[in-house]
């Protein structure tokens, strides 16, 4: 698979595979603009990064369980509530 363009990087996560012909939304265009403004560049090919992200989530199921349980919300309320 050829390296993706910035537009491809936005379309896939937002609209899923096969969305290459759909026009970009204002929000998607804003992300592309921010990527250009900050000089952001991918550190690895998209598919490699996606596989690494999935592997991380699979290896960190305890973290996911805590997030899904809402446990983190009590932490934020305790430390940041009332600000």
Protein backbone atom coordinates (compact mmCIF):
# COMPACT_ATOMS: atom_id res chain seq x y z
CA UNK A 1 0.00 0.00 0.00
CA UNK A 2 1.33 3.44 -0.92
CA UNK A 3 1.97 5.98 1.83
CA UNK A 4 -1.14 8.00 2.53
CA UNK A 5 -1.57 11.70 1.99
CA UNK A 6 -2.69 14.01 4.78
CA UNK A 7 -6.18 13.90 3.37
CA UNK A 8 -6.17 10.09 3.44
CA UNK A 9 -5.03 10.12 7.07
CA UNK A 10 -8.06 12.22 7.95
CA UNK A 11 -10.63 10.35 5.87
CA UNK A 12 -9.87 6.84 7.16
CA UNK A 13 -10.30 7.42 10.93
CA UNK A 14 -13.27 9.76 10.48
CA UNK A 15 -15.23 8.00 7.79
CA UNK A 16 -13.76 4.52 7.55
CA UNK A 17 -12.35 2.64 4.59
CA UNK A 18 -13.74 3.54 1.20
CA UNK A 19 -14.53 7.14 2.11
CA UNK A 20 -11.94 8.51 -0.28
CA UNK A 21 -14.46 10.32 -2.48
CA UNK A 22 -16.51 12.00 0.25
CA UNK A 23 -15.82 15.74 0.65
CA UNK A 24 -13.96 16.72 3.80
CA UNK A 25 -15.92 18.40 6.57
CA UNK A 26 -14.87 21.71 8.11
CA UNK A 27 -13.43 19.85 11.13
CA UNK A 28 -11.39 17.49 8.97
CA UNK A 29 -10.02 20.46 7.02
CA UNK A 30 -9.11 22.17 10.31
CA UNK A 31 -7.11 19.12 11.39
CA UNK A 32 -5.22 19.11 8.09
CA UNK A 33 -4.51 22.81 8.51
CA UNK A 34 -3.19 22.24 12.04
CA UNK A 35 -0.98 19.40 10.80
CA UNK A 36 0.56 21.72 8.21
CA UNK A 37 0.89 24.66 10.63
CA UNK A 38 2.73 22.66 13.27
CA UNK A 39 4.89 20.74 10.82
CA UNK A 40 3.45 17.46 12.08
CA UNK A 41 4.73 14.42 10.24
CA UNK A 42 3.99 10.75 10.77
CA UNK A 43 6.69 8.84 12.63
CA UNK A 44 5.69 5.57 10.97
CA UNK A 45 3.40 4.39 8.18
CA UNK A 46 -0.31 4.62 8.99
CA UNK A 47 -0.94 0.86 8.98
CA UNK A 48 2.07 0.23 11.26
CA UNK A 49 0.82 2.85 13.72
CA UNK A 50 -2.70 1.46 13.65
CA UNK A 51 -1.42 -2.06 14.38
CA UNK A 52 0.76 -0.72 17.23
CA UNK A 53 -2.22 1.15 18.70
CA UNK A 54 -4.42 -1.96 18.60
CA UNK A 55 -1.62 -4.01 20.19
CA UNK A 56 -1.28 -1.43 22.99
CA UNK A 57 -5.01 -1.55 23.77
CA UNK A 58 -4.95 -5.35 23.79
CA UNK A 59 -1.95 -5.39 26.14
CA UNK A 60 -3.51 -2.83 28.50
CA UNK A 61 -6.93 -4.30 29.18
CA UNK A 62 -6.75 -3.31 32.88
CA UNK A 63 -6.39 0.35 31.90
CA UNK A 64 -9.35 0.02 29.54
CA UNK A 65 -11.46 -1.59 32.28
CA UNK A 66 -10.70 1.31 34.66
CA UNK A 67 -11.65 3.87 32.01
CA UNK A 68 -14.87 2.04 31.17
CA UNK A 69 -15.78 1.68 34.84
CA UNK A 70 -15.70 5.45 35.35
CA UNK A 71 -13.02 5.11 38.06
CA UNK A 72 -11.04 7.94 36.48
CA UNK A 73 -14.01 10.30 36.91
CA UNK A 74 -13.73 10.15 40.71
CA UNK A 75 -10.01 10.91 40.40
CA UNK A 76 -10.69 14.00 38.30
CA UNK A 77 -13.51 15.14 40.57
CA UNK A 78 -11.26 14.75 43.63
CA UNK A 79 -8.29 16.54 42.09
CA UNK A 80 -9.90 19.04 39.74
CA UNK A 81 -13.50 19.44 40.90
CA UNK A 82 -14.65 22.89 41.82
CA UNK A 83 -12.15 24.71 39.63
